[in-house]
Amino acid sequence: MKALLAVDNSVHSNHAVQEVIRSPWEPGSELIVVTVVTSPFGFKLPTEIPDSARAFVNGISNQIKTENSSFTSVEGKVTLGNPKSVILTMAKALGVELLIIGARRADFSKMVFGGVSHPLLLASECSVRIARAKKSHSHLRVLIALDASESARMAIEQVLSRPWPAKTEFICLNVVPTFTDLNSRTPIMFADEEVERERAELLKVGTAELESATKILHDNLPQCTARNEILYGDPRECLIRASQDYDADLIVLGSQGRNFSAQVAVGSVSESVALWADCSVEIVRRTAR
């Protein structure tokens, strides 16, 4: 795993640093810590990188090296320019598989980088972790959203690649729309019987997906616990509410998938969950290694 942690001097950025320190990482992982120096008012960029910026990044890099020994290398970088374009370009050029950024809940306009987090989430070609403040749990509680899509299977693969600590609790979730949800979102009015048959098929596929995922987690992560649940309603609302009901530390979900039959892209679901969930959220995208 090659990860890029984008930082500034905000409290939300510090949440991201702490999340990197406490998170499990697969053996041989590499971390790049980057900060982008820019003009806060859109004026001309400085001609040189301030020493304070180098000291800031070096301090974070050294802290991570000291407190998490999982990384084979932790490299600090400071550059000038537009944060969004610089971070996206750097992530692509370095072959980064996961971009980590800090954010507050439900206010993208005031996120770290002054509103850059939202564009990074949408434009990144690699997986993105939106990091928020740590919960006061004795063990990690992770929600995994599944919908029988390739993107959801990638989310399971991402989870399995990491050495989770003992007693980590995984809760696999699938959302089945209610009759009203499904009927109101179809472009053509279908007979009630057809809508119910569609819901029954979604429930059948979702149940099988959850049972398979739970077994895979039990078999591959015996030090952890895993269970599953079917939720009913709009996937955005259900997953955001689940993050609160379960007091989750992290939600993992694919960036694209299928729900409400194949008619509603889950890309908008992942964006909504990243925006409104009160815990950290990881949006998984396929990245060539």
C-alpha atoms as a PDB file:
ATOM      1  CA  MET A   1       0.000   0.000   0.000  1.00  0.00           C
ATOM      2  CA  LYS A   2       1.294   3.423  -0.982  1.00  0.00           C
ATOM      3  CA  ALA A   3      -0.612   6.199   0.793  1.00  0.00           C
ATOM      4  CA  LEU A   4      -0.472   9.981   0.571  1.00  0.00           C
ATOM      5  CA  LEU A   5      -1.405  12.038   3.625  1.00  0.00           C
ATOM      6  CA  ALA A   6      -2.248  15.665   2.783  1.00  0.00           C
ATOM      7  CA  VAL A   7      -1.810  17.981   5.770  1.00  0.00           C
ATOM      8  CA  ASP A   8      -2.083  21.580   6.848  1.00  0.00           C
ATOM      9  CA  ASN A   9      -2.158  23.206  10.303  1.00  0.00           C
ATOM     10  CA  SER A  10      -5.887  22.698  10.978  1.00  0.00           C
ATOM     11  CA  VAL A  11      -7.414  20.529  13.695  1.00  0.00           C
ATOM     12  CA  HIS A  12      -9.033  18.395  10.977  1.00  0.00           C
ATOM     13  CA  SER A  13      -5.637  17.677   9.489  1.00  0.00           C
ATOM     14  CA  ASN A  14      -4.457  16.566  12.919  1.00  0.00           C
ATOM     15  CA  HIS A  15      -7.339  14.069  13.004  1.00  0.00           C
ATOM     16  CA  ALA A  16      -5.963  12.624   9.750  1.00  0.00           C
ATOM     17  CA  VAL A  17      -2.465  12.330  11.236  1.00  0.00           C
ATOM     18  CA  GLN A  18      -3.834  10.543  14.302  1.00  0.00           C
ATOM     19  CA  GLU A  19      -5.861   8.218  12.084  1.00  0.00           C
ATOM     20  CA  VAL A  20      -2.756   7.225  10.144  1.00  0.00           C
ATOM     21  CA  ILE A  21      -0.937   6.510  13.405  1.00  0.00           C
ATOM     22  CA  ARG A  22      -3.651   4.304  14.900  1.00  0.00           C
ATOM     23  CA  SER A  23      -4.772   2.514  11.698  1.00  0.00           C
ATOM     24  CA  PRO A  24      -3.539  -0.923  10.607  1.00  0.00           C
ATOM     25  CA  TRP A  25      -1.415  -1.006   7.440  1.00  0.00           C
ATOM     26  CA  GLU A  26      -0.380  -3.958   5.342  1.00  0.00           C
ATOM     27  CA  PRO A  27       3.308  -4.950   5.551  1.00  0.00           C
ATOM     28  CA  GLY A  28       5.607  -2.954   3.279  1.00  0.00           C
ATOM     29  CA  SER A  29       3.363   0.104   3.153  1.00  0.00           C
ATOM     30  CA  GLU A  30       4.832   3.467   2.172  1.00  0.00           C
ATOM     31  CA  LEU A  31       3.589   6.892   3.244  1.00  0.00           C
ATOM     32  CA  ILE A  32       4.128  10.312   1.662  1.00  0.00           C
ATOM     33  CA  VAL A  33       3.239  13.319   3.818  1.00  0.00           C
ATOM     34  CA  VAL A  34       2.615  16.457   1.759  1.00  0.00           C
ATOM     35  CA  THR A  35       1.644  20.039   2.423  1.00  0.00           C
ATOM     36  CA  VAL A  36       0.992  22.615  -0.285  1.00  0.00           C
ATOM     37  CA  VAL A  37       1.989  26.231   0.288  1.00  0.00           C
ATOM     38  CA  THR A  38      -0.378  28.626  -1.444  1.00  0.00           C
ATOM     39  CA  SER A  39      -1.560  32.210  -1.167  1.00  0.00           C
ATOM     40  CA  PRO A  40      -4.537  32.363   1.211  1.00  0.00           C
ATOM     41  CA  PHE A  41      -6.086  35.258  -0.708  1.00  0.00           C
ATOM     42  CA  GLY A  42      -5.269  34.251  -4.261  1.00  0.00           C
ATOM     43  CA  PHE A  43      -2.312  36.591  -4.587  1.00  0.00           C
ATOM     44  CA  LYS A  44       1.044  35.711  -6.096  1.00  0.00           C
ATOM     45  CA  LEU A  45       2.630  32.561  -4.700  1.00  0.00           C
ATOM     46  CA  PRO A  46       5.780  32.887  -2.609  1.00  0.00           C
ATOM     47  CA  THR A  47       8.970  32.329  -4.572  1.00  0.00           C
ATOM     48  CA  GLU A  48      10.479  30.017  -1.951  1.00  0.00           C
ATOM     49  CA  ILE A  49       9.148  27.355   0.367  1.00  0.00           C
ATOM     50  CA  PRO A  50       9.131  28.680   3.953  1.00  0.00           C
ATOM     51  CA  ASP A  51      11.358  26.882   6.440  1.00  0.00           C
ATOM     52  CA  SER A  52       8.359  26.644   8.763  1.00  0.00           C
ATOM     53  CA  ALA A  53       6.514  24.499   6.195  1.00  0.00           C
ATOM     54  CA  ARG A  54       9.459  22.095   5.913  1.00  0.00           C
ATOM     55  CA  ALA A  55       9.719  21.871   9.700  1.00  0.00           C
ATOM     56  CA  PHE A  56       5.972  21.244   9.941  1.00  0.00           C
ATOM     57  CA  VAL A  57       6.012  18.323   7.482  1.00  0.00           C
ATOM     58  CA  ASN A  58       9.214  16.866   8.943  1.00  0.00           C
ATOM     59  CA  GLY A  59       7.674  16.986  12.407  1.00  0.00           C
ATOM     60  CA  ILE A  60       4.594  15.051  11.286  1.00  0.00           C
ATOM     61  CA  SER A  61       6.699  12.523   9.368  1.00  0.00           C
ATOM     62  CA  ASN A  62       8.902  11.893  12.404  1.00  0.00           C
ATOM     63  CA  GLN A  63       5.860  11.568  14.672  1.00  0.00           C
ATOM     64  CA  ILE A  64       4.339   8.900  12.415  1.00  0.00           C
ATOM     65  CA  LYS A  65       7.642   7.025  12.165  1.00  0.00           C
ATOM     66  CA  THR A  66       7.904   6.995  15.960  1.00  0.00           C
ATOM     67  CA  GLU A  67       4.309   5.976  16.708  1.00  0.00           C
ATOM     68  CA  ASN A  68       3.583   3.513  13.884  1.00  0.00           C
ATOM     69  CA  SER A  69       6.298   1.141  12.733  1.00  0.00           C
ATOM     70  CA  SER A  70       4.224  -0.411   9.937  1.00  0.00           C
ATOM     71  CA  PHE A  71       5.622   1.817   7.206  1.00  0.00           C
ATOM     72  CA  THR A  72       8.838   0.897   5.446  1.00  0.00           C
ATOM     73  CA  SER A  73       9.246   4.564   4.556  1.00  0.00           C
ATOM     74  CA  VAL A  74       7.675   7.882   5.536  1.00  0.00           C
ATOM     75  CA  GLU A  75       8.668  10.734   3.233  1.00  0.00           C
ATOM     76  CA  GLY A  76       7.770  14.401   3.696  1.00  0.00           C
ATOM     77  CA  LYS A  77       7.183  16.739   0.759  1.00  0.00           C
ATOM     78  CA  VAL A  78       6.469  20.472   0.560  1.00  0.00           C
ATOM     79  CA  THR A  79       5.478  22.186  -2.664  1.00  0.00           C
ATOM     80  CA  LEU A  80       3.991  25.404  -3.988  1.00  0.00           C
ATOM     81  CA  GLY A  81       0.793  25.776  -5.977  1.00  0.00           C
ATOM     82  CA  ASN A  82      -2.911  25.039  -6.019  1.00  0.00           C
ATOM     83  CA  PRO A  83      -3.583  22.317  -3.413  1.00  0.00           C
ATOM     84  CA  LYS A  84      -6.194  20.443  -5.438  1.00  0.00           C
ATOM     85  CA  SER A  85      -4.186  20.181  -8.658  1.00  0.00           C
ATOM     86  CA  VAL A  86      -0.864  19.567  -6.884  1.00  0.00           C
ATOM     87  CA  ILE A  87      -2.224  16.743  -4.706  1.00  0.00           C
ATOM     88  CA  LEU A  88      -4.074  15.034  -7.550  1.00  0.00           C
ATOM     89  CA  THR A  89      -1.067  15.279  -9.860  1.00  0.00           C
ATOM     90  CA  MET A  90       1.291  13.994  -7.173  1.00  0.00           C
ATOM     91  CA  ALA A  91      -0.991  11.094  -6.263  1.00  0.00           C
ATOM     92  CA  LYS A  92      -1.181   9.974  -9.877  1.00  0.00           C
ATOM     93  CA  ALA A  93       2.525  10.436 -10.601  1.00  0.00           C
ATOM     94  CA  LEU A  94       3.580   8.471  -7.509  1.00  0.00           C
ATOM     95  CA  GLY A  95       1.093   5.650  -8.035  1.00  0.00           C
ATOM     96  CA  VAL A  96      -0.669   6.354  -4.744  1.00  0.00           C
ATOM     97  CA  GLU A  97      -3.372   3.838  -3.790  1.00  0.00           C
ATOM     98  CA  LEU A  98      -4.939   5.788  -0.911  1.00  0.00           C
ATOM     99  CA  LEU A  99      -5.289   9.538  -0.368  1.00  0.00           C
ATOM    100  CA  ILE A 100      -5.926  10.567   3.261  1.00  0.00           C
ATOM    101  CA  ILE A 101      -7.381  13.962   4.148  1.00  0.00           C
ATOM    102  CA  GLY A 102      -8.964  15.457   7.250  1.00  0.00           C
ATOM    103  CA  ALA A 103     -12.477  16.902   7.315  1.00  0.00           C
ATOM    104  CA  ARG A 104     -15.233  18.011   9.595  1.00  0.00           C
ATOM    105  CA  ARG A 105     -18.700  16.550   9.240  1.00  0.00           C
ATOM    106  CA  ALA A 106     -21.280  18.119   6.932  1.00  0.00           C
ATOM    107  CA  ASP A 107     -19.461  21.288   6.045  1.00  0.00           C
ATOM    108  CA  PHE A 108     -17.251  20.817   3.008  1.00  0.00           C
ATOM    109  CA  SER A 109     -16.986  24.583   2.574  1.00  0.00           C
ATOM    110  CA  LYS A 110     -14.811  24.771   5.703  1.00  0.00           C
ATOM    111  CA  MET A 111     -12.756  21.613   5.335  1.00  0.00           C
ATOM    112  CA  VAL A 112      -9.022  21.323   5.448  1.00  0.00           C
ATOM    113  CA  PHE A 113      -7.397  23.098   2.456  1.00  0.00           C
ATOM    114  CA  GLY A 114     -10.222  25.644   2.491  1.00  0.00           C
ATOM    115  CA  GLY A 115     -12.726  23.590   0.551  1.00  0.00           C
ATOM    116  CA  VAL A 116     -10.310  21.403  -1.417  1.00  0.00           C
ATOM    117  CA  SER A 117     -11.351  18.130   0.250  1.00  0.00           C
ATOM    118  CA  HIS A 118     -14.601  17.837  -1.675  1.00  0.00           C
ATOM    119  CA  PRO A 119     -12.982  18.241  -5.119  1.00  0.00           C
ATOM    120  CA  LEU A 120     -10.257  15.790  -4.088  1.00  0.00           C
ATOM    121  CA  LEU A 121     -12.863  13.233  -3.099  1.00  0.00           C
ATOM    122  CA  LEU A 122     -14.630  13.583  -6.451  1.00  0.00           C
ATOM    123  CA  ALA A 123     -11.584  13.817  -8.729  1.00  0.00           C
ATOM    124  CA  SER A 124      -9.144  11.358  -7.161  1.00  0.00           C
ATOM    125  CA  GLU A 125      -8.392   8.256  -9.228  1.00  0.00           C
ATOM    126  CA  CYS A 126      -7.334   6.321  -6.132  1.00  0.00           C
ATOM    127  CA  SER A 127      -9.171   5.419  -2.933  1.00  0.00           C
ATOM    128  CA  VAL A 128      -9.837   8.287  -0.519  1.00  0.00           C
ATOM    129  CA  ARG A 129     -10.026   8.247   3.283  1.00  0.00           C
ATOM    130  CA  ILE A 130     -11.896  11.155   4.880  1.00  0.00           C
ATOM    131  CA  ALA A 131     -10.551  11.194   8.443  1.00  0.00           C
ATOM    132  CA  ARG A 132     -12.479  12.515  11.406  1.00  0.00           C
ATOM    133  CA  ALA A 133     -11.944  12.634  15.158  1.00  0.00           C
ATOM    134  CA  LYS A 134     -11.349   9.311  16.945  1.00  0.00           C
ATOM    135  CA  LYS A 135     -14.181   7.700  18.892  1.00  0.00           C
ATOM    136  CA  SER A 136     -13.532   6.595  22.477  1.00  0.00           C
ATOM    137  CA  HIS A 137     -13.878   2.844  21.875  1.00  0.00           C
ATOM    138  CA  SER A 138     -11.818   0.046  23.369  1.00  0.00           C
ATOM    139  CA  HIS A 139     -11.765  -1.551  19.896  1.00  0.00           C
ATOM    140  CA  LEU A 140     -12.399  -0.505  16.301  1.00  0.00           C
ATOM    141  CA  ARG A 141     -15.912  -0.700  14.858  1.00  0.00           C
ATOM    142  CA  VAL A 142     -15.987  -0.772  11.046  1.00  0.00           C
ATOM    143  CA  LEU A 143     -19.060  -0.683   8.801  1.00  0.00           C
ATOM    144  CA  ILE A 144     -18.723  -2.192   5.305  1.00  0.00           C
ATOM    145  CA  ALA A 145     -21.418  -1.229   2.788  1.00  0.00           C
ATOM    146  CA  LEU A 146     -22.087  -3.967   0.233  1.00  0.00           C
ATOM    147  CA  ASP A 147     -24.369  -4.076  -2.796  1.00  0.00           C
ATOM    148  CA  ALA A 148     -23.271  -7.085  -4.915  1.00  0.00           C
ATOM    149  CA  SER A 149     -21.193  -4.864  -7.216  1.00  0.00           C
ATOM    150  CA  GLU A 150     -17.545  -5.137  -8.255  1.00  0.00           C
ATOM    151  CA  SER A 151     -16.872  -1.925  -6.375  1.00  0.00           C
ATOM    152  CA  ALA A 152     -18.235  -3.441  -3.163  1.00  0.00           C
ATOM    153  CA  ARG A 153     -16.066  -6.538  -3.609  1.00  0.00           C
ATOM    154  CA  MET A 154     -13.065  -4.221  -3.918  1.00  0.00           C
ATOM    155  CA  ALA A 155     -14.016  -2.778  -0.523  1.00  0.00           C
ATOM    156  CA  ILE A 156     -13.832  -6.250   1.027  1.00  0.00           C
ATOM    157  CA  GLU A 157     -10.447  -6.836  -0.638  1.00  0.00           C
ATOM    158  CA  GLN A 158      -9.184  -3.549   0.813  1.00  0.00           C
ATOM    159  CA  VAL A 159     -10.297  -4.575   4.294  1.00  0.00           C
ATOM    160  CA  LEU A 160      -8.690  -8.021   4.012  1.00  0.00           C
ATOM    161  CA  SER A 161      -5.333  -6.532   2.990  1.00  0.00           C
ATOM    162  CA  ARG A 162      -4.795  -4.933   6.424  1.00  0.00           C
ATOM    163  CA  PRO A 163      -3.699  -6.463   9.744  1.00  0.00           C
ATOM    164  CA  TRP A 164      -6.643  -5.409  11.926  1.00  0.00           C
ATOM    165  CA  PRO A 165      -6.122  -5.540  15.689  1.00  0.00           C
ATOM    166  CA  ALA A 166      -7.840  -8.174  17.795  1.00  0.00           C
ATOM    167  CA  LYS A 167     -11.504  -7.557  18.637  1.00  0.00           C
ATOM    168  CA  THR A 168     -12.063  -5.238  15.681  1.00  0.00           C
ATOM    169  CA  GLU A 169     -15.789  -5.417  14.998  1.00  0.00           C
ATOM    170  CA  PHE A 170     -16.974  -5.553  11.375  1.00  0.00           C
ATOM    171  CA  ILE A 171     -20.612  -4.944  10.510  1.00  0.00           C
ATOM    172  CA  CYS A 172     -21.516  -5.670   6.878  1.00  0.00           C
ATOM    173  CA  LEU A 173     -24.536  -3.722   5.652  1.00  0.00           C
ATOM    174  CA  ASN A 174     -26.779  -3.982   2.626  1.00  0.00           C
ATOM    175  CA  VAL A 175     -29.581  -1.508   1.937  1.00  0.00           C
ATOM    176  CA  VAL A 176     -32.825  -2.625   0.298  1.00  0.00           C
ATOM    177  CA  PRO A 177     -35.168   0.184  -0.795  1.00  0.00           C
ATOM    178  CA  THR A 178     -38.686   0.306   0.558  1.00  0.00           C
ATOM    179  CA  PHE A 179     -41.609  -0.061  -1.808  1.00  0.00           C
ATOM    180  CA  THR A 180     -42.048   3.724  -1.843  1.00  0.00           C
ATOM    181  CA  ASP A 181     -38.363   4.394  -2.499  1.00  0.00           C
ATOM    182  CA  LEU A 182     -38.149   1.962  -5.367  1.00  0.00           C
ATOM    183  CA  ASN A 183     -41.411   2.947  -6.992  1.00  0.00           C
ATOM    184  CA  SER A 184     -40.728   6.688  -6.778  1.00  0.00           C
ATOM    185  CA  ARG A 185     -37.263   6.413  -8.391  1.00  0.00           C
ATOM    186  CA  THR A 186     -38.202   4.366 -11.445  1.00  0.00           C
ATOM    187  CA  PRO A 187     -38.654   6.368 -14.668  1.00  0.00           C
ATOM    188  CA  ILE A 188     -41.731   4.319 -15.634  1.00  0.00           C
ATOM    189  CA  MET A 189     -44.631   3.403 -13.431  1.00  0.00           C
ATOM    190  CA  PHE A 190     -44.581  -0.338 -12.827  1.00  0.00           C
ATOM    191  CA  ALA A 191     -47.282  -2.533 -11.388  1.00  0.00           C
ATOM    192  CA  ASP A 192     -47.034  -3.059  -7.658  1.00  0.00           C
ATOM    193  CA  GLU A 193     -46.331  -6.748  -8.230  1.00  0.00           C
ATOM    194  CA  GLU A 194     -43.314  -5.940 -10.399  1.00  0.00           C
ATOM    195  CA  VAL A 195     -41.899  -3.555  -7.817  1.00  0.00           C
ATOM    196  CA  GLU A 196     -42.297  -6.153  -5.078  1.00  0.00           C
ATOM    197  CA  ARG A 197     -40.602  -8.801  -7.238  1.00  0.00           C
ATOM    198  CA  GLU A 198     -37.695  -6.380  -7.741  1.00  0.00           C
ATOM    199  CA  ARG A 199     -37.436  -5.781  -4.004  1.00  0.00           C
ATOM    200  CA  ALA A 200     -37.538  -9.507  -3.322  1.00  0.00           C
ATOM    201  CA  GLU A 201     -34.678 -10.063  -5.775  1.00  0.00           C
ATOM    202  CA  LEU A 202     -32.629  -7.262  -4.209  1.00  0.00           C
ATOM    203  CA  LEU A 203     -33.206  -8.764  -0.776  1.00  0.00           C
ATOM    204  CA  LYS A 204     -32.177 -12.223  -1.984  1.00  0.00           C
ATOM    205  CA  VAL A 205     -28.988 -10.965  -3.656  1.00  0.00           C
ATOM    206  CA  GLY A 206     -28.157  -8.692  -0.727  1.00  0.00           C
ATOM    207  CA  THR A 207     -28.606 -11.468   1.834  1.00  0.00           C
ATOM    208  CA  ALA A 208     -26.326 -13.809  -0.111  1.00  0.00           C
ATOM    209  CA  GLU A 209     -23.712 -11.049  -0.454  1.00  0.00           C
ATOM    210  CA  LEU A 210     -23.748 -10.348   3.270  1.00  0.00           C
ATOM    211  CA  GLU A 211     -23.476 -14.003   4.240  1.00  0.00           C
ATOM    212  CA  SER A 212     -20.553 -14.485   1.860  1.00  0.00           C
ATOM    213  CA  ALA A 213     -18.733 -11.375   3.087  1.00  0.00           C
ATOM    214  CA  THR A 214     -19.240 -12.289   6.747  1.00  0.00           C
ATOM    215  CA  LYS A 215     -17.819 -15.773   6.167  1.00  0.00           C
ATOM    216  CA  ILE A 216     -14.807 -14.353   4.304  1.00  0.00           C
ATOM    217  CA  LEU A 217     -14.094 -11.988   7.202  1.00  0.00           C
ATOM    218  CA  HIS A 218     -14.456 -14.779   9.789  1.00  0.00           C
ATOM    219  CA  ASP A 219     -12.141 -17.073   7.813  1.00  0.00           C
ATOM    220  CA  ASN A 220      -9.434 -14.494   7.071  1.00  0.00           C
ATOM    221  CA  LEU A 221      -9.553 -12.340  10.208  1.00  0.00           C
ATOM    222  CA  PRO A 222     -10.203 -14.805  13.050  1.00  0.00           C
ATOM    223  CA  GLN A 223      -9.008 -12.283  15.646  1.00  0.00           C
ATOM    224  CA  CYS A 224     -11.956 -10.036  14.711  1.00  0.00           C
ATOM    225  CA  THR A 225     -15.734 -10.370  14.860  1.00  0.00           C
ATOM    226  CA  ALA A 226     -18.115  -9.981  11.918  1.00  0.00           C
ATOM    227  CA  ARG A 227     -21.859  -9.796  11.572  1.00  0.00           C
ATOM    228  CA  ASN A 228     -24.311  -8.416   9.051  1.00  0.00           C
ATOM    229  CA  GLU A 229     -27.588  -6.585   8.771  1.00  0.00           C
ATOM    230  CA  ILE A 230     -30.090  -5.634   6.077  1.00  0.00           C
ATOM    231  CA  LEU A 231     -31.290  -2.026   6.229  1.00  0.00           C
ATOM    232  CA  TYR A 232     -34.421  -0.720   4.516  1.00  0.00           C
ATOM    233  CA  GLY A 233     -34.731   2.688   2.882  1.00  0.00           C
ATOM    234  CA  ASP A 234     -32.621   5.170   0.950  1.00  0.00           C
ATOM    235  CA  PRO A 235     -28.963   3.988   1.023  1.00  0.00           C
ATOM    236  CA  ARG A 236     -27.646   7.481   1.772  1.00  0.00           C
ATOM    237  CA  GLU A 237     -29.895   7.983   4.764  1.00  0.00           C
ATOM    238  CA  CYS A 238     -29.497   4.416   6.030  1.00  0.00           C
ATOM    239  CA  LEU A 239     -25.690   4.401   5.960  1.00  0.00           C
ATOM    240  CA  ILE A 240     -25.382   7.843   7.540  1.00  0.00           C
ATOM    241  CA  ARG A 241     -27.827   6.843  10.276  1.00  0.00           C
ATOM    242  CA  ALA A 242     -25.986   3.547  10.765  1.00  0.00           C
ATOM    243  CA  SER A 243     -22.730   5.419  11.398  1.00  0.00           C
ATOM    244  CA  GLN A 244     -24.480   7.101  14.327  1.00  0.00           C
ATOM    245  CA  ASP A 245     -26.497   4.116  15.584  1.00  0.00           C
ATOM    246  CA  TYR A 246     -23.427   1.867  15.654  1.00  0.00           C
ATOM    247  CA  ASP A 247     -21.118   4.682  16.799  1.00  0.00           C
ATOM    248  CA  ALA A 248     -18.756   3.557  14.035  1.00  0.00           C
ATOM    249  CA  ASP A 249     -15.093   4.474  13.722  1.00  0.00           C
ATOM    250  CA  LEU A 250     -14.983   3.909   9.969  1.00  0.00           C
ATOM    251  CA  ILE A 251     -17.259   3.211   7.009  1.00  0.00           C
ATOM    252  CA  VAL A 252     -15.758   1.436   3.995  1.00  0.00           C
ATOM    253  CA  LEU A 253     -17.662   1.454   0.706  1.00  0.00           C
ATOM    254  CA  GLY A 254     -17.067   1.327  -3.014  1.00  0.00           C
ATOM    255  CA  SER A 255     -17.083   4.424  -5.182  1.00  0.00           C
ATOM    256  CA  GLN A 256     -19.487   2.982  -7.729  1.00  0.00           C
ATOM    257  CA  GLY A 257     -22.011   0.221  -7.574  1.00  0.00           C
ATOM    258  CA  ARG A 258     -25.628  -0.584  -8.046  1.00  0.00           C
ATOM    259  CA  ASN A 259     -28.702  -0.038  -5.955  1.00  0.00           C
ATOM    260  CA  PHE A 260     -32.398   0.436  -6.587  1.00  0.00           C
ATOM    261  CA  SER A 261     -31.954  -2.229  -9.274  1.00  0.00           C
ATOM    262  CA  ALA A 262     -29.229  -0.888 -11.596  1.00  0.00           C
ATOM    263  CA  GLN A 263     -30.743   2.544 -12.017  1.00  0.00           C
ATOM    264  CA  VAL A 264     -29.121   4.608  -9.288  1.00  0.00           C
ATOM    265  CA  ALA A 265     -25.331   4.956  -9.272  1.00  0.00           C
ATOM    266  CA  VAL A 266     -23.803   4.541  -5.835  1.00  0.00           C
ATOM    267  CA  GLY A 267     -21.241   7.230  -6.616  1.00  0.00           C
ATOM    268  CA  SER A 268     -23.675   9.771  -5.225  1.00  0.00           C
ATOM    269  CA  VAL A 269     -24.208   7.554  -2.188  1.00  0.00           C
ATOM    270  CA  SER A 270     -20.496   7.446  -1.377  1.00  0.00           C
ATOM    271  CA  GLU A 271     -20.269  11.224  -1.713  1.00  0.00           C
ATOM    272  CA  SER A 272     -23.238  11.759   0.614  1.00  0.00           C
ATOM    273  CA  VAL A 273     -21.866   9.335   3.202  1.00  0.00           C
ATOM    274  CA  ALA A 274     -18.437  11.008   3.080  1.00  0.00           C
ATOM    275  CA  LEU A 275     -20.126  14.372   3.583  1.00  0.00           C
ATOM    276  CA  TRP A 276     -22.556  13.575   6.369  1.00  0.00           C
ATOM    277  CA  ALA A 277     -21.245  10.598   8.345  1.00  0.00           C
ATOM    278  CA  ASP A 278     -19.844  11.546  11.741  1.00  0.00           C
ATOM    279  CA  CYS A 279     -17.004   9.023  11.487  1.00  0.00           C
ATOM    280  CA  SER A 280     -14.125   8.453   9.069  1.00  0.00           C
ATOM    281  CA  VAL A 281     -15.110   7.206   5.603  1.00  0.00           C
ATOM    282  CA  GLU A 282     -13.008   5.315   3.060  1.00  0.00           C
ATOM    283  CA  ILE A 283     -14.156   5.342  -0.576  1.00  0.00           C
ATOM    284  CA  VAL A 284     -12.478   2.447  -2.389  1.00  0.00           C
ATOM    285  CA  ARG A 285     -11.395   2.750  -6.011  1.00  0.00           C
ATOM    286  CA  ARG A 286      -9.353   0.304  -8.062  1.00  0.00           C
ATOM    287  CA  THR A 287      -5.742   1.432  -8.474  1.00  0.00           C
ATOM    288  CA  ALA A 288      -3.233  -0.393 -10.630  1.00  0.00           C
ATOM    289  CA  ARG A 289      -0.211  -1.542  -8.623  1.00  0.00           C
END
